[in-house]
Amino acid sequence: MGLRNGRPEIRDRSQAPADWDPNDNDIDSRDVDAVIQRCNERIAEGIMPQMWEERLKIYEKAKQNYDAFVNSGPEDLPVEVRLRITQLNLIRDHLSKNGDPYNSIQNIEAIIEDYSTQQLKWDPTQVIYWSKGKMIAGPTEFKWDDFLNKGSNNDGQDGFWV
Protein backbone atom coordinates (compact mmCIF):
# COMPACT_ATOMS: atom_id res chain seq x y z
CA MET A 1 0.00 0.00 0.00
CA GLY A 2 1.46 3.34 -1.02
CA LEU A 3 1.20 6.61 0.81
CA ARG A 4 -0.51 9.77 -0.37
CA ASN A 5 0.85 12.82 1.39
CA GLY A 6 1.73 10.61 4.33
CA ARG A 7 -1.67 8.89 4.37
CA PRO A 8 -2.43 5.37 3.13
CA GLU A 9 -3.92 4.88 -0.31
CA ILE A 10 -7.68 4.56 -0.52
CA ARG A 11 -8.52 1.48 -2.58
CA ASP A 12 -12.15 1.06 -1.51
CA ARG A 13 -14.62 3.48 -3.14
CA SER A 14 -16.70 3.65 0.03
CA GLN A 15 -13.67 5.08 1.87
CA ALA A 16 -13.07 7.87 -0.66
CA PRO A 17 -13.89 11.44 0.38
CA ALA A 18 -17.55 12.31 -0.20
CA ASP A 19 -16.65 15.00 -2.74
CA TRP A 20 -14.23 12.77 -4.70
CA ASP A 21 -15.28 12.44 -8.33
CA PRO A 22 -13.91 9.57 -10.45
CA ASN A 23 -14.90 11.36 -13.66
CA ASP A 24 -12.64 13.68 -15.59
CA ASN A 25 -15.22 15.61 -17.56
CA ASP A 26 -12.81 18.50 -18.09
CA ILE A 27 -10.61 16.36 -20.37
CA ASP A 28 -11.54 15.19 -23.85
CA SER A 29 -11.22 11.40 -23.81
CA ARG A 30 -9.72 11.62 -27.33
CA ASP A 31 -6.80 13.68 -26.00
CA VAL A 32 -4.68 10.66 -25.16
CA ASP A 33 -1.71 12.63 -23.81
CA ALA A 34 -3.93 14.65 -21.45
CA VAL A 35 -5.67 11.51 -20.19
CA ILE A 36 -2.32 9.80 -19.57
CA GLN A 37 -1.14 12.84 -17.63
CA ARG A 38 -4.35 12.89 -15.57
CA CYS A 39 -4.08 9.17 -14.82
CA ASN A 40 -0.58 9.71 -13.44
CA GLU A 41 -1.84 12.62 -11.32
CA ARG A 42 -4.72 10.53 -10.00
CA ILE A 43 -2.43 7.59 -9.21
CA ALA A 44 -0.18 9.97 -7.26
CA GLU A 45 -3.25 11.23 -5.33
CA GLY A 46 -3.70 7.71 -4.02
CA ILE A 47 -7.49 7.61 -4.18
CA MET A 48 -8.57 4.50 -6.06
CA PRO A 49 -5.20 4.22 -7.83
CA GLN A 50 -6.04 0.76 -9.19
CA MET A 51 -8.79 2.31 -11.30
CA TRP A 52 -6.40 4.90 -12.75
CA GLU A 53 -3.67 2.31 -13.32
CA GLU A 54 -6.07 0.28 -15.48
CA ARG A 55 -7.14 3.36 -17.43
CA LEU A 56 -3.48 4.33 -17.85
CA LYS A 57 -2.71 0.91 -19.38
CA ILE A 58 -5.54 1.33 -21.89
CA TYR A 59 -4.45 4.81 -22.95
CA GLU A 60 -0.75 3.96 -23.08
CA LYS A 61 -1.59 1.03 -25.37
CA ALA A 62 -3.74 3.30 -27.55
CA LYS A 63 -0.86 5.80 -27.76
CA GLN A 64 1.56 3.00 -28.67
CA ASN A 65 -0.77 1.75 -31.41
CA TYR A 66 -1.29 5.25 -32.80
CA ASP A 67 2.43 6.04 -32.74
CA ALA A 68 3.18 2.73 -34.49
CA PHE A 69 0.57 3.56 -37.13
CA VAL A 70 1.95 7.07 -37.66
CA ASN A 71 5.49 5.75 -38.01
CA SER A 72 4.59 2.80 -40.23
CA GLY A 73 3.27 4.53 -43.33
CA PRO A 74 4.81 6.52 -46.11
CA GLU A 75 6.12 9.78 -44.71
CA ASP A 76 4.84 11.71 -47.71
CA LEU A 77 1.20 10.87 -46.88
CA PRO A 78 -0.43 12.83 -44.05
CA VAL A 79 -1.76 10.78 -41.14
CA GLU A 80 -5.35 11.74 -42.03
CA VAL A 81 -4.89 10.30 -45.51
CA ARG A 82 -3.39 7.08 -44.15
CA LEU A 83 -6.30 6.76 -41.73
CA ARG A 84 -8.76 7.29 -44.60
CA ILE A 85 -6.99 4.68 -46.72
CA THR A 86 -7.18 2.25 -43.79
CA GLN A 87 -10.93 2.92 -43.46
CA LEU A 88 -11.45 2.47 -47.19
CA ASN A 89 -9.56 -0.83 -47.13
CA LEU A 90 -11.82 -2.06 -44.31
CA ILE A 91 -14.92 -1.06 -46.29
CA ARG A 92 -13.59 -2.73 -49.45
CA ASP A 93 -12.75 -5.92 -47.52
CA HIS A 94 -16.22 -5.98 -45.97
CA LEU A 95 -17.90 -5.52 -49.35
CA SER A 96 -15.66 -8.15 -50.95
CA LYS A 97 -16.59 -10.64 -48.25
CA ASN A 98 -20.28 -9.79 -47.89
CA GLY A 99 -21.26 -8.58 -51.33
CA ASP A 100 -21.16 -5.26 -53.15
CA PRO A 101 -24.76 -4.67 -54.31
CA TYR A 102 -24.10 -1.07 -55.41
CA ASN A 103 -20.75 -1.72 -57.12
CA SER A 104 -18.84 0.51 -54.72
CA ILE A 105 -15.54 -1.38 -54.76
CA GLN A 106 -14.51 0.18 -58.07
CA ASN A 107 -14.86 3.64 -56.52
CA ILE A 108 -13.09 2.63 -53.32
CA GLU A 109 -10.12 1.28 -55.28
CA ALA A 110 -9.94 4.45 -57.40
CA ILE A 111 -10.05 6.64 -54.29
CA ILE A 112 -7.32 4.59 -52.59
CA GLU A 113 -5.19 4.87 -55.71
CA ASP A 114 -5.67 8.65 -55.93
CA TYR A 115 -4.86 9.12 -52.24
CA SER A 116 -1.81 6.84 -52.52
CA THR A 117 -0.42 8.76 -55.49
CA GLN A 118 -1.35 12.11 -53.91
CA GLN A 119 -3.70 12.97 -56.76
CA LEU A 120 -6.35 13.39 -54.06
CA LYS A 121 -5.88 15.49 -50.92
CA TRP A 122 -7.79 15.04 -47.68
CA ASP A 123 -10.21 17.88 -46.95
CA PRO A 124 -13.06 17.08 -44.54
CA THR A 125 -14.99 20.16 -45.72
CA GLN A 126 -15.23 18.99 -49.33
CA VAL A 127 -16.86 16.08 -51.17
CA ILE A 128 -15.94 14.34 -54.39
CA TYR A 129 -18.41 12.53 -56.62
CA TRP A 130 -17.40 9.19 -58.13
CA SER A 131 -19.17 7.00 -60.62
CA LYS A 132 -18.03 3.58 -61.77
CA GLY A 133 -14.45 4.12 -60.60
CA LYS A 134 -14.04 7.63 -62.05
CA MET A 135 -14.07 11.03 -60.37
CA ILE A 136 -16.94 12.98 -61.94
CA ALA A 137 -16.89 16.18 -59.84
CA GLY A 138 -15.16 17.87 -56.95
CA PRO A 139 -13.69 18.56 -54.61
CA THR A 140 -16.58 20.84 -53.77
CA GLU A 141 -18.85 21.81 -50.92
CA PHE A 142 -21.71 19.35 -50.49
CA LYS A 143 -25.05 20.62 -51.78
CA TRP A 144 -28.11 18.42 -51.72
CA ASP A 145 -29.31 19.51 -55.16
CA ASP A 146 -25.89 18.71 -56.67
CA PHE A 147 -26.00 15.30 -55.06
CA LEU A 148 -29.46 14.54 -56.46
CA ASN A 149 -28.52 15.83 -59.91
CA LYS A 150 -25.23 13.96 -60.14
CA GLY A 151 -26.79 10.82 -58.72
CA SER A 152 -29.63 10.78 -61.23
CA ASN A 153 -27.30 11.58 -64.14
CA ASN A 154 -24.84 8.85 -63.17
CA ASP A 155 -27.01 5.86 -62.29
CA GLY A 156 -27.07 6.73 -58.58
CA GLN A 157 -28.13 3.21 -57.62
CA ASP A 158 -25.10 1.57 -59.20
CA GLY A 159 -21.48 2.58 -58.79
CA PHE A 160 -22.17 6.08 -57.42
CA TRP A 161 -20.16 7.29 -54.43
CA VAL A 162 -19.77 10.59 -52.61
C-alpha atoms as a PDB file:
ATOM      1  CA  MET A   1       0.000   0.000   0.000  1.00  0.00           C
ATOM      2  CA  GLY A   2       1.457   3.343  -1.020  1.00  0.00           C
ATOM      3  CA  LEU A   3       1.203   6.613   0.809  1.00  0.00           C
ATOM      4  CA  ARG A   4      -0.513   9.774  -0.369  1.00  0.00           C
ATOM      5  CA  ASN A   5       0.849  12.818   1.391  1.00  0.00           C
ATOM      6  CA  GLY A   6       1.729  10.613   4.333  1.00  0.00           C
ATOM      7  CA  ARG A   7      -1.670   8.895   4.367  1.00  0.00           C
ATOM      8  CA  PRO A   8      -2.431   5.372   3.131  1.00  0.00           C
ATOM      9  CA  GLU A   9      -3.925   4.880  -0.313  1.00  0.00           C
ATOM     10  CA  ILE A  10      -7.678   4.561  -0.518  1.00  0.00           C
ATOM     11  CA  ARG A  11      -8.517   1.481  -2.577  1.00  0.00           C
ATOM     12  CA  ASP A  12     -12.148   1.062  -1.507  1.00  0.00           C
ATOM     13  CA  ARG A  13     -14.619   3.476  -3.138  1.00  0.00           C
ATOM     14  CA  SER A  14     -16.702   3.648   0.029  1.00  0.00           C
ATOM     15  CA  GLN A  15     -13.669   5.082   1.866  1.00  0.00           C
ATOM     16  CA  ALA A  16     -13.071   7.869  -0.662  1.00  0.00           C
ATOM     17  CA  PRO A  17     -13.892  11.438   0.376  1.00  0.00           C
ATOM     18  CA  ALA A  18     -17.549  12.309  -0.200  1.00  0.00           C
ATOM     19  CA  ASP A  19     -16.650  14.995  -2.742  1.00  0.00           C
ATOM     20  CA  TRP A  20     -14.230  12.772  -4.697  1.00  0.00           C
ATOM     21  CA  ASP A  21     -15.278  12.445  -8.331  1.00  0.00           C
ATOM     22  CA  PRO A  22     -13.912   9.575 -10.446  1.00  0.00           C
ATOM     23  CA  ASN A  23     -14.900  11.359 -13.660  1.00  0.00           C
ATOM     24  CA  ASP A  24     -12.643  13.683 -15.586  1.00  0.00           C
ATOM     25  CA  ASN A  25     -15.224  15.613 -17.559  1.00  0.00           C
ATOM     26  CA  ASP A  26     -12.814  18.498 -18.092  1.00  0.00           C
ATOM     27  CA  ILE A  27     -10.615  16.358 -20.373  1.00  0.00           C
ATOM     28  CA  ASP A  28     -11.541  15.194 -23.854  1.00  0.00           C
ATOM     29  CA  SER A  29     -11.218  11.403 -23.807  1.00  0.00           C
ATOM     30  CA  ARG A  30      -9.722  11.616 -27.327  1.00  0.00           C
ATOM     31  CA  ASP A  31      -6.804  13.682 -25.999  1.00  0.00           C
ATOM     32  CA  VAL A  32      -4.685  10.664 -25.165  1.00  0.00           C
ATOM     33  CA  ASP A  33      -1.714  12.631 -23.809  1.00  0.00           C
ATOM     34  CA  ALA A  34      -3.929  14.649 -21.451  1.00  0.00           C
ATOM     35  CA  VAL A  35      -5.672  11.508 -20.189  1.00  0.00           C
ATOM     36  CA  ILE A  36      -2.324   9.798 -19.568  1.00  0.00           C
ATOM     37  CA  GLN A  37      -1.135  12.840 -17.625  1.00  0.00           C
ATOM     38  CA  ARG A  38      -4.346  12.891 -15.574  1.00  0.00           C
ATOM     39  CA  CYS A  39      -4.076   9.166 -14.820  1.00  0.00           C
ATOM     40  CA  ASN A  40      -0.576   9.714 -13.443  1.00  0.00           C
ATOM     41  CA  GLU A  41      -1.836  12.618 -11.321  1.00  0.00           C
ATOM     42  CA  ARG A  42      -4.722  10.532 -10.000  1.00  0.00           C
ATOM     43  CA  ILE A  43      -2.431   7.594  -9.214  1.00  0.00           C
ATOM     44  CA  ALA A  44      -0.181   9.971  -7.258  1.00  0.00           C
ATOM     45  CA  GLU A  45      -3.249  11.233  -5.334  1.00  0.00           C
ATOM     46  CA  GLY A  46      -3.697   7.708  -4.023  1.00  0.00           C
ATOM     47  CA  ILE A  47      -7.486   7.609  -4.175  1.00  0.00           C
ATOM     48  CA  MET A  48      -8.574   4.497  -6.065  1.00  0.00           C
ATOM     49  CA  PRO A  49      -5.196   4.218  -7.829  1.00  0.00           C
ATOM     50  CA  GLN A  50      -6.036   0.760  -9.194  1.00  0.00           C
ATOM     51  CA  MET A  51      -8.793   2.309 -11.298  1.00  0.00           C
ATOM     52  CA  TRP A  52      -6.405   4.896 -12.750  1.00  0.00           C
ATOM     53  CA  GLU A  53      -3.673   2.313 -13.316  1.00  0.00           C
ATOM     54  CA  GLU A  54      -6.069   0.284 -15.485  1.00  0.00           C
ATOM     55  CA  ARG A  55      -7.141   3.356 -17.432  1.00  0.00           C
ATOM     56  CA  LEU A  56      -3.480   4.328 -17.853  1.00  0.00           C
ATOM     57  CA  LYS A  57      -2.708   0.908 -19.376  1.00  0.00           C
ATOM     58  CA  ILE A  58      -5.538   1.325 -21.890  1.00  0.00           C
ATOM     59  CA  TYR A  59      -4.447   4.807 -22.954  1.00  0.00           C
ATOM     60  CA  GLU A  60      -0.748   3.959 -23.081  1.00  0.00           C
ATOM     61  CA  LYS A  61      -1.588   1.026 -25.369  1.00  0.00           C
ATOM     62  CA  ALA A  62      -3.740   3.305 -27.553  1.00  0.00           C
ATOM     63  CA  LYS A  63      -0.861   5.800 -27.763  1.00  0.00           C
ATOM     64  CA  GLN A  64       1.561   2.995 -28.674  1.00  0.00           C
ATOM     65  CA  ASN A  65      -0.773   1.755 -31.409  1.00  0.00           C
ATOM     66  CA  TYR A  66      -1.293   5.246 -32.801  1.00  0.00           C
ATOM     67  CA  ASP A  67       2.430   6.038 -32.745  1.00  0.00           C
ATOM     68  CA  ALA A  68       3.178   2.733 -34.486  1.00  0.00           C
ATOM     69  CA  PHE A  69       0.567   3.561 -37.129  1.00  0.00           C
ATOM     70  CA  VAL A  70       1.953   7.070 -37.655  1.00  0.00           C
ATOM     71  CA  ASN A  71       5.493   5.752 -38.011  1.00  0.00           C
ATOM     72  CA  SER A  72       4.595   2.798 -40.233  1.00  0.00           C
ATOM     73  CA  GLY A  73       3.269   4.527 -43.325  1.00  0.00           C
ATOM     74  CA  PRO A  74       4.814   6.518 -46.111  1.00  0.00           C
ATOM     75  CA  GLU A  75       6.121   9.784 -44.709  1.00  0.00           C
ATOM     76  CA  ASP A  76       4.840  11.714 -47.713  1.00  0.00           C
ATOM     77  CA  LEU A  77       1.198  10.871 -46.884  1.00  0.00           C
ATOM     78  CA  PRO A  78      -0.432  12.831 -44.053  1.00  0.00           C
ATOM     79  CA  VAL A  79      -1.759  10.777 -41.143  1.00  0.00           C
ATOM     80  CA  GLU A  80      -5.353  11.745 -42.030  1.00  0.00           C
ATOM     81  CA  VAL A  81      -4.887  10.297 -45.513  1.00  0.00           C
ATOM     82  CA  ARG A  82      -3.386   7.078 -44.147  1.00  0.00           C
ATOM     83  CA  LEU A  83      -6.305   6.760 -41.734  1.00  0.00           C
ATOM     84  CA  ARG A  84      -8.756   7.292 -44.596  1.00  0.00           C
ATOM     85  CA  ILE A  85      -6.994   4.677 -46.721  1.00  0.00           C
ATOM     86  CA  THR A  86      -7.182   2.253 -43.789  1.00  0.00           C
ATOM     87  CA  GLN A  87     -10.927   2.921 -43.463  1.00  0.00           C
ATOM     88  CA  LEU A  88     -11.454   2.467 -47.191  1.00  0.00           C
ATOM     89  CA  ASN A  89      -9.557  -0.835 -47.127  1.00  0.00           C
ATOM     90  CA  LEU A  90     -11.817  -2.056 -44.315  1.00  0.00           C
ATOM     91  CA  ILE A  91     -14.924  -1.062 -46.289  1.00  0.00           C
ATOM     92  CA  ARG A  92     -13.587  -2.735 -49.446  1.00  0.00           C
ATOM     93  CA  ASP A  93     -12.746  -5.920 -47.523  1.00  0.00           C
ATOM     94  CA  HIS A  94     -16.216  -5.983 -45.974  1.00  0.00           C
ATOM     95  CA  LEU A  95     -17.902  -5.520 -49.351  1.00  0.00           C
ATOM     96  CA  SER A  96     -15.656  -8.152 -50.947  1.00  0.00           C
ATOM     97  CA  LYS A  97     -16.591 -10.640 -48.250  1.00  0.00           C
ATOM     98  CA  ASN A  98     -20.281  -9.789 -47.885  1.00  0.00           C
ATOM     99  CA  GLY A  99     -21.263  -8.575 -51.328  1.00  0.00           C
ATOM    100  CA  ASP A 100     -21.164  -5.264 -53.149  1.00  0.00           C
ATOM    101  CA  PRO A 101     -24.757  -4.670 -54.309  1.00  0.00           C
ATOM    102  CA  TYR A 102     -24.098  -1.072 -55.406  1.00  0.00           C
ATOM    103  CA  ASN A 103     -20.748  -1.725 -57.122  1.00  0.00           C
ATOM    104  CA  SER A 104     -18.840   0.508 -54.723  1.00  0.00           C
ATOM    105  CA  ILE A 105     -15.540  -1.381 -54.761  1.00  0.00           C
ATOM    106  CA  GLN A 106     -14.505   0.182 -58.073  1.00  0.00           C
ATOM    107  CA  ASN A 107     -14.855   3.640 -56.520  1.00  0.00           C
ATOM    108  CA  ILE A 108     -13.085   2.628 -53.322  1.00  0.00           C
ATOM    109  CA  GLU A 109     -10.124   1.285 -55.279  1.00  0.00           C
ATOM    110  CA  ALA A 110      -9.942   4.454 -57.401  1.00  0.00           C
ATOM    111  CA  ILE A 111     -10.054   6.642 -54.285  1.00  0.00           C
ATOM    112  CA  ILE A 112      -7.324   4.593 -52.585  1.00  0.00           C
ATOM    113  CA  GLU A 113      -5.187   4.872 -55.715  1.00  0.00           C
ATOM    114  CA  ASP A 114      -5.672   8.647 -55.935  1.00  0.00           C
ATOM    115  CA  TYR A 115      -4.860   9.119 -52.242  1.00  0.00           C
ATOM    116  CA  SER A 116      -1.814   6.840 -52.517  1.00  0.00           C
ATOM    117  CA  THR A 117      -0.416   8.765 -55.486  1.00  0.00           C
ATOM    118  CA  GLN A 118      -1.349  12.108 -53.914  1.00  0.00           C
ATOM    119  CA  GLN A 119      -3.704  12.969 -56.758  1.00  0.00           C
ATOM    120  CA  LEU A 120      -6.352  13.386 -54.061  1.00  0.00           C
ATOM    121  CA  LYS A 121      -5.877  15.493 -50.918  1.00  0.00           C
ATOM    122  CA  TRP A 122      -7.791  15.043 -47.679  1.00  0.00           C
ATOM    123  CA  ASP A 123     -10.214  17.879 -46.947  1.00  0.00           C
ATOM    124  CA  PRO A 124     -13.056  17.078 -44.539  1.00  0.00           C
ATOM    125  CA  THR A 125     -14.988  20.158 -45.717  1.00  0.00           C
ATOM    126  CA  GLN A 126     -15.226  18.986 -49.335  1.00  0.00           C
ATOM    127  CA  VAL A 127     -16.856  16.080 -51.167  1.00  0.00           C
ATOM    128  CA  ILE A 128     -15.937  14.340 -54.386  1.00  0.00           C
ATOM    129  CA  TYR A 129     -18.414  12.533 -56.615  1.00  0.00           C
ATOM    130  CA  TRP A 130     -17.398   9.189 -58.126  1.00  0.00           C
ATOM    131  CA  SER A 131     -19.172   6.999 -60.621  1.00  0.00           C
ATOM    132  CA  LYS A 132     -18.032   3.582 -61.774  1.00  0.00           C
ATOM    133  CA  GLY A 133     -14.453   4.125 -60.605  1.00  0.00           C
ATOM    134  CA  LYS A 134     -14.041   7.631 -62.050  1.00  0.00           C
ATOM    135  CA  MET A 135     -14.069  11.029 -60.371  1.00  0.00           C
ATOM    136  CA  ILE A 136     -16.935  12.980 -61.941  1.00  0.00           C
ATOM    137  CA  ALA A 137     -16.892  16.180 -59.835  1.00  0.00           C
ATOM    138  CA  GLY A 138     -15.160  17.866 -56.950  1.00  0.00           C
ATOM    139  CA  PRO A 139     -13.685  18.564 -54.608  1.00  0.00           C
ATOM    140  CA  THR A 140     -16.580  20.838 -53.773  1.00  0.00           C
ATOM    141  CA  GLU A 141     -18.853  21.810 -50.924  1.00  0.00           C
ATOM    142  CA  PHE A 142     -21.706  19.346 -50.495  1.00  0.00           C
ATOM    143  CA  LYS A 143     -25.045  20.619 -51.784  1.00  0.00           C
ATOM    144  CA  TRP A 144     -28.108  18.425 -51.719  1.00  0.00           C
ATOM    145  CA  ASP A 145     -29.307  19.512 -55.162  1.00  0.00           C
ATOM    146  CA  ASP A 146     -25.892  18.708 -56.675  1.00  0.00           C
ATOM    147  CA  PHE A 147     -26.002  15.296 -55.062  1.00  0.00           C
ATOM    148  CA  LEU A 148     -29.461  14.540 -56.465  1.00  0.00           C
ATOM    149  CA  ASN A 149     -28.525  15.831 -59.912  1.00  0.00           C
ATOM    150  CA  LYS A 150     -25.227  13.959 -60.143  1.00  0.00           C
ATOM    151  CA  GLY A 151     -26.794  10.820 -58.719  1.00  0.00           C
ATOM    152  CA  SER A 152     -29.634  10.777 -61.231  1.00  0.00           C
ATOM    153  CA  ASN A 153     -27.303  11.581 -64.140  1.00  0.00           C
ATOM    154  CA  ASN A 154     -24.843   8.845 -63.165  1.00  0.00           C
ATOM    155  CA  ASP A 155     -27.011   5.862 -62.286  1.00  0.00           C
ATOM    156  CA  GLY A 156     -27.070   6.734 -58.579  1.00  0.00           C
ATOM    157  CA  GLN A 157     -28.127   3.211 -57.618  1.00  0.00           C
ATOM    158  CA  ASP A 158     -25.097   1.569 -59.202  1.00  0.00           C
ATOM    159  CA  GLY A 159     -21.481   2.579 -58.789  1.00  0.00           C
ATOM    160  CA  PHE A 160     -22.168   6.082 -57.422  1.00  0.00           C
ATOM    161  CA  TRP A 161     -20.159   7.288 -54.433  1.00  0.00           C
ATOM    162  CA  VAL A 162     -19.769  10.591 -52.610  1.00  0.00           C
END
